[in-house]
Amino acid sequence: MRRLLPLAAYRLASDSVCPEPLRDPDCPEATLEQNVDSTGTVTLAEDGTFTMQVSYSGELVLRVPLSCIDGTSCADGDVPELDLTCAEDGADSCRCVFAVDNQDTEDGVWERTDDNILALLEENATDVVVAGEYCVRGDELVIRDQASSNPYTWILRR
């Protein structure tokens, strides 16, 4: 059965982008904490197009046990051009902080497949912005993104 997809303008509120738990088979004890506010809108139009204007600000905090970094120092994880800094966090782990300050504006097309996948594609219809299983709960459109290497869930509200 195909799910209904309400065509509307949706708000992306601060609690709307929820990352999936970090999954690193080489270091299952590593954790990722998201302290990011997200705001903006996503509009799905009847003609199969969408517009998206979103902003993200805050930080991502990665905690990695020293046992996973093979004797290197936490500072070796610093990547200044990405605004990523790492330091020891107690005696047994590194705390790496990635500052997030990003605005994203996209226009493109949306498509829905028979297996309840919703994809937002850039105008060239090949580059994926968001794609994943979706469901509609009242005034919410929930998309579990599966297109990125770090899956996350979008919660959009009308």
C-alpha atoms as a PDB file:
ATOM      1  CA  MET A   1       0.000   0.000   0.000  1.00  0.00           C
ATOM      2  CA  ARG A   2       1.366   3.425  -0.944  1.00  0.00           C
ATOM      3  CA  ARG A   3       1.525   5.958   1.835  1.00  0.00           C
ATOM      4  CA  LEU A   4      -0.026   9.343   1.319  1.00  0.00           C
ATOM      5  CA  LEU A   5       2.453  12.178   0.958  1.00  0.00           C
ATOM      6  CA  PRO A   6       0.956  15.521   1.940  1.00  0.00           C
ATOM      7  CA  LEU A   7       2.278  18.222  -0.368  1.00  0.00           C
ATOM      8  CA  ALA A   8       3.003  21.267   1.750  1.00  0.00           C
ATOM      9  CA  ALA A   9       5.587  23.541   3.299  1.00  0.00           C
ATOM     10  CA  TYR A  10       7.239  21.885   6.284  1.00  0.00           C
ATOM     11  CA  ARG A  11       9.284  23.435   9.080  1.00  0.00           C
ATOM     12  CA  LEU A  12      12.553  21.911  10.170  1.00  0.00           C
ATOM     13  CA  ALA A  13      12.663  22.614  13.908  1.00  0.00           C
ATOM     14  CA  SER A  14      15.717  22.445  16.151  1.00  0.00           C
ATOM     15  CA  ASP A  15      15.034  18.858  17.228  1.00  0.00           C
ATOM     16  CA  SER A  16      14.289  17.672  13.724  1.00  0.00           C
ATOM     17  CA  VAL A  17      17.552  16.164  12.504  1.00  0.00           C
ATOM     18  CA  CYS A  18      18.406  13.148  14.628  1.00  0.00           C
ATOM     19  CA  PRO A  19      21.583  11.223  13.789  1.00  0.00           C
ATOM     20  CA  GLU A  20      21.588   7.473  14.009  1.00  0.00           C
ATOM     21  CA  PRO A  21      24.003   5.975  16.564  1.00  0.00           C
ATOM     22  CA  LEU A  22      27.608   5.963  15.418  1.00  0.00           C
ATOM     23  CA  ARG A  23      28.572   2.569  14.037  1.00  0.00           C
ATOM     24  CA  ASP A  24      32.309   2.030  13.745  1.00  0.00           C
ATOM     25  CA  PRO A  25      33.197  -1.679  13.627  1.00  0.00           C
ATOM     26  CA  ASP A  26      36.853  -0.845  14.410  1.00  0.00           C
ATOM     27  CA  CYS A  27      35.857   1.073  17.551  1.00  0.00           C
ATOM     28  CA  PRO A  28      32.351   0.188  18.770  1.00  0.00           C
ATOM     29  CA  GLU A  29      32.922   2.149  22.017  1.00  0.00           C
ATOM     30  CA  ALA A  30      33.192   5.484  20.138  1.00  0.00           C
ATOM     31  CA  THR A  31      30.190   7.781  20.545  1.00  0.00           C
ATOM     32  CA  LEU A  32      28.836  10.774  18.643  1.00  0.00           C
ATOM     33  CA  GLU A  33      26.796  13.455  20.383  1.00  0.00           C
ATOM     34  CA  GLN A  34      24.926  16.077  18.372  1.00  0.00           C
ATOM     35  CA  ASN A  35      24.425  19.537  19.831  1.00  0.00           C
ATOM     36  CA  VAL A  36      23.111  21.138  16.656  1.00  0.00           C
ATOM     37  CA  ASP A  37      20.151  23.432  16.153  1.00  0.00           C
ATOM     38  CA  SER A  38      18.475  23.105  12.766  1.00  0.00           C
ATOM     39  CA  THR A  39      15.899  25.466  11.306  1.00  0.00           C
ATOM     40  CA  GLY A  40      14.374  26.113   7.918  1.00  0.00           C
ATOM     41  CA  THR A  41      11.745  24.899   5.496  1.00  0.00           C
ATOM     42  CA  VAL A  42      11.229  22.143   2.964  1.00  0.00           C
ATOM     43  CA  THR A  43       8.387  22.592   0.471  1.00  0.00           C
ATOM     44  CA  LEU A  44       7.077  19.690  -1.620  1.00  0.00           C
ATOM     45  CA  ALA A  45       5.039  20.892  -4.615  1.00  0.00           C
ATOM     46  CA  GLU A  46       2.413  19.037  -6.630  1.00  0.00           C
ATOM     47  CA  ASP A  47       4.478  19.378  -9.822  1.00  0.00           C
ATOM     48  CA  GLY A  48       7.186  17.106  -8.336  1.00  0.00           C
ATOM     49  CA  THR A  49       9.592  19.895  -7.346  1.00  0.00           C
ATOM     50  CA  PHE A  50      10.897  20.903  -3.933  1.00  0.00           C
ATOM     51  CA  THR A  51      12.671  23.843  -2.354  1.00  0.00           C
ATOM     52  CA  MET A  52      14.739  23.595   0.786  1.00  0.00           C
ATOM     53  CA  GLN A  53      16.329  26.304   2.902  1.00  0.00           C
ATOM     54  CA  VAL A  54      17.910  25.005   6.104  1.00  0.00           C
ATOM     55  CA  SER A  55      20.508  26.196   8.603  1.00  0.00           C
ATOM     56  CA  TYR A  56      22.512  24.161  11.094  1.00  0.00           C
ATOM     57  CA  SER A  57      24.611  25.563  13.960  1.00  0.00           C
ATOM     58  CA  GLY A  58      26.269  24.002  16.973  1.00  0.00           C
ATOM     59  CA  GLU A  59      28.727  21.179  17.370  1.00  0.00           C
ATOM     60  CA  LEU A  60      29.236  17.458  16.964  1.00  0.00           C
ATOM     61  CA  VAL A  61      31.227  15.772  19.724  1.00  0.00           C
ATOM     62  CA  LEU A  62      33.044  12.519  18.978  1.00  0.00           C
ATOM     63  CA  ARG A  63      34.440  10.577  21.926  1.00  0.00           C
ATOM     64  CA  VAL A  64      36.998   7.928  21.021  1.00  0.00           C
ATOM     65  CA  PRO A  65      38.687   5.610  23.559  1.00  0.00           C
ATOM     66  CA  LEU A  66      42.485   5.869  23.506  1.00  0.00           C
ATOM     67  CA  SER A  67      42.542   2.125  22.827  1.00  0.00           C
ATOM     68  CA  CYS A  68      41.105   2.874  19.370  1.00  0.00           C
ATOM     69  CA  ILE A  69      43.763   5.353  18.258  1.00  0.00           C
ATOM     70  CA  ASP A  70      46.767   3.034  18.341  1.00  0.00           C
ATOM     71  CA  GLY A  71      49.120   5.081  20.517  1.00  0.00           C
ATOM     72  CA  THR A  72      48.785   8.402  18.694  1.00  0.00           C
ATOM     73  CA  SER A  73      47.864  11.512  20.638  1.00  0.00           C
ATOM     74  CA  CYS A  74      44.420  13.068  20.647  1.00  0.00           C
ATOM     75  CA  ALA A  75      45.857  16.225  19.048  1.00  0.00           C
ATOM     76  CA  ASP A  76      46.738  14.140  15.965  1.00  0.00           C
ATOM     77  CA  GLY A  77      43.002  14.161  15.237  1.00  0.00           C
ATOM     78  CA  ASP A  78      42.915  17.966  14.782  1.00  0.00           C
ATOM     79  CA  VAL A  79      41.858  19.104  11.303  1.00  0.00           C
ATOM     80  CA  PRO A  80      41.911  22.951  11.384  1.00  0.00           C
ATOM     81  CA  GLU A  81      40.482  23.356   7.874  1.00  0.00           C
ATOM     82  CA  LEU A  82      37.390  21.424   9.029  1.00  0.00           C
ATOM     83  CA  ASP A  83      37.232  23.261  12.385  1.00  0.00           C
ATOM     84  CA  LEU A  84      37.796  19.913  14.160  1.00  0.00           C
ATOM     85  CA  THR A  85      39.751  19.969  17.424  1.00  0.00           C
ATOM     86  CA  CYS A  86      40.625  17.010  19.636  1.00  0.00           C
ATOM     87  CA  ALA A  87      41.913  16.821  23.214  1.00  0.00           C
ATOM     88  CA  GLU A  88      42.188  14.219  25.947  1.00  0.00           C
ATOM     89  CA  ASP A  89      38.952  13.727  27.853  1.00  0.00           C
ATOM     90  CA  GLY A  90      40.035  12.175  31.104  1.00  0.00           C
ATOM     91  CA  ALA A  91      42.568   9.372  31.173  1.00  0.00           C
ATOM     92  CA  ASP A  92      40.958   7.022  28.697  1.00  0.00           C
ATOM     93  CA  SER A  93      39.488   8.891  25.715  1.00  0.00           C
ATOM     94  CA  CYS A  94      39.738  11.709  23.192  1.00  0.00           C
ATOM     95  CA  ARG A  95      37.017  14.312  22.777  1.00  0.00           C
ATOM     96  CA  CYS A  96      36.874  15.732  19.256  1.00  0.00           C
ATOM     97  CA  VAL A  97      34.618  18.715  18.556  1.00  0.00           C
ATOM     98  CA  PHE A  98      33.469  19.656  15.070  1.00  0.00           C
ATOM     99  CA  ALA A  99      31.908  23.116  14.872  1.00  0.00           C
ATOM    100  CA  VAL A 100      28.813  23.256  12.651  1.00  0.00           C
ATOM    101  CA  ASP A 101      27.652  26.469  10.980  1.00  0.00           C
ATOM    102  CA  ASN A 102      26.033  25.667   7.670  1.00  0.00           C
ATOM    103  CA  GLN A 103      23.303  27.065   5.467  1.00  0.00           C
ATOM    104  CA  ASP A 104      21.925  24.954   2.642  1.00  0.00           C
ATOM    105  CA  THR A 105      19.574  26.008  -0.124  1.00  0.00           C
ATOM    106  CA  GLU A 106      18.446  23.404  -2.623  1.00  0.00           C
ATOM    107  CA  ASP A 107      15.921  23.287  -5.443  1.00  0.00           C
ATOM    108  CA  GLY A 108      15.154  20.077  -7.227  1.00  0.00           C
ATOM    109  CA  VAL A 109      12.708  17.293  -7.808  1.00  0.00           C
ATOM    110  CA  TRP A 110      11.196  14.767  -5.450  1.00  0.00           C
ATOM    111  CA  GLU A 111      10.138  11.236  -6.255  1.00  0.00           C
ATOM    112  CA  ARG A 112       8.475   8.419  -4.388  1.00  0.00           C
ATOM    113  CA  THR A 113       8.976   4.744  -5.139  1.00  0.00           C
ATOM    114  CA  ASP A 114       6.602   1.858  -4.557  1.00  0.00           C
ATOM    115  CA  ASP A 115       8.560   0.664  -1.539  1.00  0.00           C
ATOM    116  CA  ASN A 116       7.805   3.881   0.372  1.00  0.00           C
ATOM    117  CA  ILE A 117      11.096   5.623  -0.332  1.00  0.00           C
ATOM    118  CA  LEU A 118      11.073   9.390  -0.749  1.00  0.00           C
ATOM    119  CA  ALA A 119      14.012  11.000  -2.544  1.00  0.00           C
ATOM    120  CA  LEU A 120      14.817  14.689  -2.841  1.00  0.00           C
ATOM    121  CA  LEU A 121      17.155  15.107  -5.800  1.00  0.00           C
ATOM    122  CA  GLU A 122      19.068  18.145  -7.051  1.00  0.00           C
ATOM    123  CA  GLU A 123      17.714  19.688 -10.250  1.00  0.00           C
ATOM    124  CA  ASN A 124      19.900  17.412 -12.386  1.00  0.00           C
ATOM    125  CA  ALA A 125      17.818  14.543 -10.879  1.00  0.00           C
ATOM    126  CA  THR A 126      20.923  12.481 -10.088  1.00  0.00           C
ATOM    127  CA  ASP A 127      22.516  13.987  -6.959  1.00  0.00           C
ATOM    128  CA  VAL A 128      20.641  12.953  -3.820  1.00  0.00           C
ATOM    129  CA  VAL A 129      19.880  15.552  -1.138  1.00  0.00           C
ATOM    130  CA  VAL A 130      17.838  13.238   1.120  1.00  0.00           C
ATOM    131  CA  ALA A 131      16.510   9.748   0.414  1.00  0.00           C
ATOM    132  CA  GLY A 132      14.941   7.159   2.636  1.00  0.00           C
ATOM    133  CA  GLU A 133      11.858   5.498   4.027  1.00  0.00           C
ATOM    134  CA  TYR A 134       9.196   7.939   5.068  1.00  0.00           C
ATOM    135  CA  CYS A 135       6.017   7.997   7.066  1.00  0.00           C
ATOM    136  CA  VAL A 136       3.348  10.575   7.743  1.00  0.00           C
ATOM    137  CA  ARG A 137       2.126  11.080  11.316  1.00  0.00           C
ATOM    138  CA  GLY A 138      -0.536  13.775  11.427  1.00  0.00           C
ATOM    139  CA  ASP A 139       1.257  17.023  10.581  1.00  0.00           C
ATOM    140  CA  GLU A 140       4.691  15.376  10.598  1.00  0.00           C
ATOM    141  CA  LEU A 141       6.643  13.933   7.693  1.00  0.00           C
ATOM    142  CA  VAL A 142       9.423  11.662   8.964  1.00  0.00           C
ATOM    143  CA  ILE A 143      12.204  10.629   6.586  1.00  0.00           C
ATOM    144  CA  ARG A 144      14.843   8.127   7.706  1.00  0.00           C
ATOM    145  CA  ASP A 145      17.700   9.173   5.439  1.00  0.00           C
ATOM    146  CA  GLN A 146      19.677   6.314   3.961  1.00  0.00           C
ATOM    147  CA  ALA A 147      21.645   8.257   1.353  1.00  0.00           C
ATOM    148  CA  SER A 148      24.500   9.465   3.556  1.00  0.00           C
ATOM    149  CA  SER A 149      27.330   7.548   5.183  1.00  0.00           C
ATOM    150  CA  ASN A 150      25.954   8.630   8.582  1.00  0.00           C
ATOM    151  CA  PRO A 151      22.202   7.997   8.430  1.00  0.00           C
ATOM    152  CA  TYR A 152      19.867  10.319  10.267  1.00  0.00           C
ATOM    153  CA  THR A 153      16.167  10.983  10.680  1.00  0.00           C
ATOM    154  CA  TRP A 154      14.463  14.189   9.523  1.00  0.00           C
ATOM    155  CA  ILE A 155      11.278  15.256  11.286  1.00  0.00           C
ATOM    156  CA  LEU A 156       9.384  17.902   9.307  1.00  0.00           C
ATOM    157  CA  ARG A 157       6.294  19.611  10.677  1.00  0.00           C
ATOM    158  CA  ARG A 158       3.538  21.488   8.830  1.00  0.00           C
END
